[in-house]
């Protein structure tokens, strides 16, 4: 079975930025996110089997979820300047390496990912999703789709989802409908936390099952909270549900992973941001022995310059 790797791009960039915050090159330019991204690309070819690779992007402007709830994602603070200045470089890297990026007006990266998952399932292609976002866990299906965390470097299947959140992948929407998601400003039911949501879903399966059997909810406080928060519960499930019918069928073959190391196409960027450890790996890889890896000749006129280069 072939494998398609699809990246929740901006979410991935944000996680990289905060994981590698503070890294700079000798010119004082922020480089942590760029370094993490380049090393991730190296791992795709050298550590993880991928036949296809897609970068899913959020569209600019409002999405259909904003029409459902104007408060959706309105609680987010502006990103720091050092993060913003690295994003165009990473997008440039994607383009120069020849990878495809996909966005659709009115939709989020999550909807693009869901559409690829559905299309690939019909074509018997395994999908690995690169993300940290819990809403995408609803797409996990053993033998079909898994999630890989680039930060923890863990793979998540159905059992791992159950262990992490206490619910099965198909219940993630209901889980978020009950306890909400502060990162996306999904309200959930006020007063119901993750533990309470898990208990309710263990017994009733879904929010529909809960509200059809509300009189059977034994905890009076939970029953009253559910009654008061019914509208928000169903609103939240709508917001957490992914749209999976975007037309992406014709993009799969365009996403074929190249035979040649893609990082060779962005050597100037790697050198500019002084990603020396990665450059060393590329130079030591026997597959690259006949490639021009951008070695530089430097005239050393004093000992201070020598120490600068060595360090």
Protein backbone atom coordinates (compact mmCIF):
# COMPACT_ATOMS: atom_id res chain seq x y z
CA UNK A 1 0.00 0.00 0.00
CA UNK A 2 1.32 3.44 -0.91
CA UNK A 3 1.45 6.25 1.65
CA UNK A 4 0.41 9.88 1.31
CA UNK A 5 1.75 12.28 3.93
CA UNK A 6 -0.34 15.41 4.37
CA UNK A 7 0.71 18.30 6.59
CA UNK A 8 -1.52 20.65 8.57
CA UNK A 9 0.87 23.33 7.41
CA UNK A 10 0.28 26.45 9.47
CA UNK A 11 -0.48 24.46 12.61
CA UNK A 12 2.77 22.59 12.03
CA UNK A 13 4.70 25.85 11.55
CA UNK A 14 3.27 27.31 14.76
CA UNK A 15 4.26 24.23 16.76
CA UNK A 16 7.76 24.30 15.30
CA UNK A 17 8.14 27.96 16.13
CA UNK A 18 7.29 27.50 19.80
CA UNK A 19 9.33 24.29 20.09
CA UNK A 20 12.43 25.96 18.60
CA UNK A 21 11.87 29.53 19.70
CA UNK A 22 14.96 31.70 20.04
CA UNK A 23 17.18 30.09 17.40
CA UNK A 24 18.88 32.64 15.12
CA UNK A 25 21.61 32.67 12.50
CA UNK A 26 24.74 34.79 12.90
CA UNK A 27 22.92 37.74 11.28
CA UNK A 28 20.30 37.69 14.01
CA UNK A 29 17.52 36.29 11.79
CA UNK A 30 15.07 33.87 13.41
CA UNK A 31 15.74 30.35 12.14
CA UNK A 32 14.16 27.82 14.53
CA UNK A 33 11.02 27.15 12.50
CA UNK A 34 13.01 27.00 9.26
CA UNK A 35 15.47 24.56 10.81
CA UNK A 36 12.71 22.34 12.21
CA UNK A 37 10.91 22.33 8.87
CA UNK A 38 14.03 21.44 6.87
CA UNK A 39 14.88 18.61 9.25
CA UNK A 40 11.31 17.33 8.98
CA UNK A 41 11.65 17.19 5.18
CA UNK A 42 14.89 15.25 5.59
CA UNK A 43 13.13 12.75 7.86
CA UNK A 44 10.37 12.16 5.28
CA UNK A 45 12.82 10.74 2.75
CA UNK A 46 15.26 9.13 5.14
CA UNK A 47 13.11 7.93 8.06
CA UNK A 48 9.47 7.76 6.93
CA UNK A 49 8.18 6.12 3.77
CA UNK A 50 6.13 8.58 1.71
CA UNK A 51 5.02 8.12 -1.88
CA UNK A 52 3.07 11.39 -1.97
CA UNK A 53 3.28 14.61 0.03
CA UNK A 54 0.75 17.44 0.29
CA UNK A 55 0.82 20.68 2.27
CA UNK A 56 -2.71 21.70 3.29
CA UNK A 57 -3.16 25.44 3.80
CA UNK A 58 -5.89 27.49 5.44
CA UNK A 59 -7.59 29.90 3.06
CA UNK A 60 -7.48 33.64 3.64
CA UNK A 61 -10.59 35.34 4.91
CA UNK A 62 -13.75 33.85 6.37
CA UNK A 63 -14.65 30.17 6.22
CA UNK A 64 -18.02 28.46 6.35
CA UNK A 65 -17.48 27.95 10.10
CA UNK A 66 -17.34 31.72 10.56
CA UNK A 67 -20.78 31.85 8.97
CA UNK A 68 -22.05 29.24 11.44
CA UNK A 69 -20.53 31.07 14.43
CA UNK A 70 -18.98 34.56 14.07
CA UNK A 71 -17.02 33.91 17.29
CA UNK A 72 -15.17 30.95 15.79
CA UNK A 73 -11.39 31.43 16.30
CA UNK A 74 -11.95 35.05 17.31
CA UNK A 75 -10.06 34.59 20.58
CA UNK A 76 -6.63 34.17 18.98
CA UNK A 77 -3.89 36.68 19.71
CA UNK A 78 -1.72 38.00 16.86
CA UNK A 79 1.33 35.79 16.24
CA UNK A 80 4.78 37.15 17.16
CA UNK A 81 6.82 38.92 14.44
CA UNK A 82 9.58 36.28 14.50
CA UNK A 83 7.02 33.63 13.58
CA UNK A 84 5.51 35.73 10.80
CA UNK A 85 8.88 36.48 9.22
CA UNK A 86 9.71 32.77 8.92
CA UNK A 87 6.44 31.66 7.29
CA UNK A 88 7.18 33.15 3.82
CA UNK A 89 10.60 31.44 3.87
CA UNK A 90 9.00 28.08 4.65
CA UNK A 91 6.38 28.58 1.90
CA UNK A 92 9.23 29.44 -0.49
CA UNK A 93 10.95 26.21 0.55
CA UNK A 94 7.81 24.21 -0.28
CA UNK A 95 7.60 25.80 -3.73
CA UNK A 96 11.30 25.44 -4.56
CA UNK A 97 11.32 21.79 -3.49
CA UNK A 98 8.50 21.14 -5.94
CA UNK A 99 5.85 20.05 -3.43
CA UNK A 100 2.20 20.94 -3.91
CA UNK A 101 0.27 23.10 -1.47
CA UNK A 102 -3.53 23.10 -1.51
CA UNK A 103 -6.02 25.66 -0.23
CA UNK A 104 -9.69 26.22 -0.99
CA UNK A 105 -11.59 29.47 -0.50
CA UNK A 106 -13.95 29.24 2.45
CA UNK A 107 -12.36 26.10 3.89
CA UNK A 108 -9.62 25.25 6.34
CA UNK A 109 -6.62 22.98 6.02
CA UNK A 110 -8.52 20.42 8.12
CA UNK A 111 -11.21 20.15 5.42
CA UNK A 112 -8.59 19.64 2.73
CA UNK A 113 -7.00 16.91 4.83
CA UNK A 114 -10.38 15.22 5.39
CA UNK A 115 -11.05 15.30 1.63
CA UNK A 116 -7.69 13.68 0.86
CA UNK A 117 -8.37 11.02 3.51
CA UNK A 118 -11.71 10.14 1.93
CA UNK A 119 -10.26 10.11 -1.61
CA UNK A 120 -7.24 8.02 -0.60
CA UNK A 121 -9.40 5.49 1.22
CA UNK A 122 -11.25 4.88 -2.04
CA UNK A 123 -7.89 4.42 -3.81
CA UNK A 124 -6.32 2.19 -1.15
CA UNK A 125 -3.65 4.74 -0.23
CA UNK A 126 -2.63 5.00 3.43
CA UNK A 127 -2.66 8.56 4.82
CA UNK A 128 -0.30 9.89 7.47
CA UNK A 129 -1.45 13.25 8.86
CA UNK A 130 1.19 15.53 10.36
CA UNK A 131 -0.55 17.58 13.04
CA UNK A 132 -0.91 18.41 16.71
CA UNK A 133 -4.60 19.37 16.47
CA UNK A 134 -7.06 17.15 18.28
CA UNK A 135 -9.95 17.74 15.85
CA UNK A 136 -8.10 15.78 13.15
CA UNK A 137 -8.05 12.69 15.37
CA UNK A 138 -11.59 12.02 14.13
CA UNK A 139 -10.01 10.88 10.84
CA UNK A 140 -7.92 8.06 12.35
CA UNK A 141 -8.81 4.63 11.05
CA UNK A 142 -6.59 1.60 11.56
CA UNK A 143 -5.01 0.43 8.33
CA UNK A 144 -6.21 3.60 6.55
CA UNK A 145 -5.18 6.76 8.40
CA UNK A 146 -2.88 7.65 11.28
CA UNK A 147 -1.63 10.85 12.88
CA UNK A 148 2.02 11.63 13.44
CA UNK A 149 3.10 14.28 15.92
CA UNK A 150 6.25 16.05 14.73
CA UNK A 151 6.88 17.33 18.25
CA UNK A 152 6.51 14.14 20.31
CA UNK A 153 7.48 12.00 17.27
CA UNK A 154 4.66 9.57 18.13
CA UNK A 155 2.26 7.81 15.77
CA UNK A 156 -1.40 7.65 16.78
CA UNK A 157 -3.78 4.87 15.75
CA UNK A 158 -7.25 4.14 17.16
CA UNK A 159 -5.88 2.65 20.39
CA UNK A 160 -3.52 5.59 20.92
CA UNK A 161 -6.38 8.05 20.37
CA UNK A 162 -8.44 6.21 23.00
CA UNK A 163 -5.52 6.28 25.42
CA UNK A 164 -4.82 9.99 24.83
CA UNK A 165 -8.37 11.38 24.93
CA UNK A 166 -10.43 8.57 26.42
CA UNK A 167 -12.70 8.36 23.37
CA UNK A 168 -12.61 6.64 19.98
CA UNK A 169 -11.75 8.62 16.83
CA UNK A 170 -15.36 8.74 15.63
CA UNK A 171 -16.32 10.32 18.98
CA UNK A 172 -13.84 13.21 18.81
CA UNK A 173 -16.49 15.57 17.39
CA UNK A 174 -18.83 14.69 20.25
CA UNK A 175 -16.00 15.05 22.75
CA UNK A 176 -15.31 18.59 21.50
CA UNK A 177 -19.05 19.31 21.40
CA UNK A 178 -19.17 18.65 25.13
CA UNK A 179 -15.90 20.03 26.52
CA UNK A 180 -15.16 22.55 23.77
CA UNK A 181 -11.82 23.62 22.33
CA UNK A 182 -10.39 26.89 23.61
CA UNK A 183 -7.81 27.11 20.80
CA UNK A 184 -10.60 27.40 18.19
CA UNK A 185 -13.10 29.14 20.49
CA UNK A 186 -15.49 26.19 20.27
CA UNK A 187 -17.73 26.70 23.33
CA UNK A 188 -18.85 23.20 24.24
CA UNK A 189 -21.19 22.77 27.20
CA UNK A 190 -20.23 25.10 30.04
CA UNK A 191 -19.20 23.09 33.09
CA UNK A 192 -18.54 19.82 31.24
CA UNK A 193 -14.84 18.96 31.16
CA UNK A 194 -12.86 16.22 29.46
CA UNK A 195 -13.50 13.69 32.23
CA UNK A 196 -17.24 14.35 32.24
CA UNK A 197 -17.39 14.20 28.44
CA UNK A 198 -15.62 10.84 28.42
CA UNK A 199 -18.03 9.42 31.03
CA UNK A 200 -21.07 10.56 29.07
CA UNK A 201 -19.75 9.24 25.75
CA UNK A 202 -18.82 5.91 27.33
CA UNK A 203 -22.47 5.48 28.29
CA UNK A 204 -24.37 7.13 25.45
CA UNK A 205 -21.96 7.09 22.49
CA UNK A 206 -22.68 10.53 21.01
CA UNK A 207 -24.33 13.84 21.88
CA UNK A 208 -27.40 12.68 19.99
CA UNK A 209 -27.50 9.62 22.24
CA UNK A 210 -27.04 11.78 25.32
CA UNK A 211 -29.89 14.15 24.50
CA UNK A 212 -32.21 11.34 23.44
CA UNK A 213 -31.68 9.81 26.88
CA UNK A 214 -31.18 12.93 28.99
CA UNK A 215 -33.42 11.63 31.78
CA UNK A 216 -31.05 8.66 32.15
CA UNK A 217 -28.04 10.86 32.96
CA UNK A 218 -27.56 9.98 36.62
CA UNK A 219 -25.57 13.03 37.73
CA UNK A 220 -28.10 15.82 38.34
CA UNK A 221 -25.53 18.59 37.89
CA UNK A 222 -24.41 17.18 34.52
CA UNK A 223 -28.02 16.74 33.45
CA UNK A 224 -28.80 20.40 34.20
CA UNK A 225 -25.63 21.60 32.47
CA UNK A 226 -26.51 19.57 29.38
CA UNK A 227 -30.04 20.96 29.36
CA UNK A 228 -28.78 24.54 29.59
CA UNK A 229 -26.00 23.97 27.05
CA UNK A 230 -27.89 21.99 24.42
CA UNK A 231 -27.70 24.68 21.74
CA UNK A 232 -23.96 25.12 22.24
CA UNK A 233 -23.41 21.36 22.17
CA UNK A 234 -24.89 20.95 18.70
CA UNK A 235 -23.29 24.19 17.48
CA UNK A 236 -19.91 22.93 18.70
CA UNK A 237 -20.32 19.59 16.94
CA UNK A 238 -20.99 21.43 13.68
CA UNK A 239 -17.85 23.51 14.16
CA UNK A 240 -15.76 20.42 14.95
CA UNK A 241 -17.06 18.43 11.97
CA UNK A 242 -14.80 18.31 8.91
CA UNK A 243 -15.97 18.79 5.32
CA UNK A 244 -14.67 15.87 3.25
CA UNK A 245 -16.06 16.44 -0.24
CA UNK A 246 -13.59 18.90 -1.76
CA UNK A 247 -12.38 17.78 -5.19
CA UNK A 248 -8.79 16.60 -4.73
CA UNK A 249 -8.76 13.42 -6.84
CA UNK A 250 -6.61 14.89 -9.61
CA UNK A 251 -4.00 16.24 -7.21
CA UNK A 252 -2.71 12.93 -5.87
CA UNK A 253 -0.42 12.04 -8.76
CA UNK A 254 0.88 15.62 -8.81
CA UNK A 255 1.93 15.06 -5.20
CA UNK A 256 4.36 12.23 -6.01
CA UNK A 257 7.42 12.41 -3.77
CA UNK A 258 10.55 13.06 -5.88
CA UNK A 259 13.33 10.48 -6.23
CA UNK A 260 16.01 13.11 -5.70
CA UNK A 261 16.55 14.64 -2.28
CA UNK A 262 14.30 17.77 -2.33
CA UNK A 263 16.54 19.66 0.09
CA UNK A 264 19.17 19.88 -2.65
CA UNK A 265 16.92 22.47 -4.31
CA UNK A 266 17.09 24.84 -1.34
CA UNK A 267 20.78 24.69 -0.42
CA UNK A 268 21.06 28.49 -0.53
CA UNK A 269 18.37 28.78 2.14
CA UNK A 270 19.97 26.09 4.29
CA UNK A 271 23.33 27.85 4.04
CA UNK A 272 21.88 31.31 4.67
CA UNK A 273 20.23 30.15 7.89
CA UNK A 274 23.37 28.17 8.80
CA UNK A 275 21.72 24.78 9.16
CA UNK A 276 25.14 23.19 9.30
CA UNK A 277 24.18 19.90 10.95
CA UNK A 278 21.65 19.21 8.22
CA UNK A 279 24.07 20.25 5.47
CA UNK A 280 26.60 17.83 6.93
CA UNK A 281 24.05 14.99 6.78
CA UNK A 282 23.33 15.81 3.13
CA UNK A 283 27.03 15.87 2.25
CA UNK A 284 27.67 12.57 4.00
CA UNK A 285 24.76 10.81 2.31
CA UNK A 286 26.23 8.55 -0.41
CA UNK A 287 23.17 9.19 -2.61
CA UNK A 288 24.33 12.81 -2.91
CA UNK A 289 27.99 12.17 -3.68
CA UNK A 290 27.73 13.37 -7.30
CA UNK A 291 25.63 16.43 -6.43
CA UNK A 292 26.87 20.00 -6.10
CA UNK A 293 26.27 20.66 -2.43
CA UNK A 294 27.40 24.24 -2.43
CA UNK A 295 30.78 24.01 -0.75
CA UNK A 296 32.22 27.50 -0.29
CA UNK A 297 35.83 28.59 -0.50
CA UNK A 298 36.78 31.28 2.00
CA UNK A 299 40.05 33.20 2.09
CA UNK A 300 41.29 33.26 5.69
CA UNK A 301 43.46 36.29 6.40
CA UNK A 302 43.59 36.27 10.19
CA UNK A 303 43.11 33.88 13.09
CA UNK A 304 39.83 35.51 14.21
CA UNK A 305 38.26 34.62 10.85
CA UNK A 306 39.49 31.04 11.25
CA UNK A 307 37.88 30.71 14.68
CA UNK A 308 34.65 32.25 13.33
CA UNK A 309 34.42 29.59 10.61
CA UNK A 310 35.34 26.70 12.90
CA UNK A 311 32.74 27.74 15.43
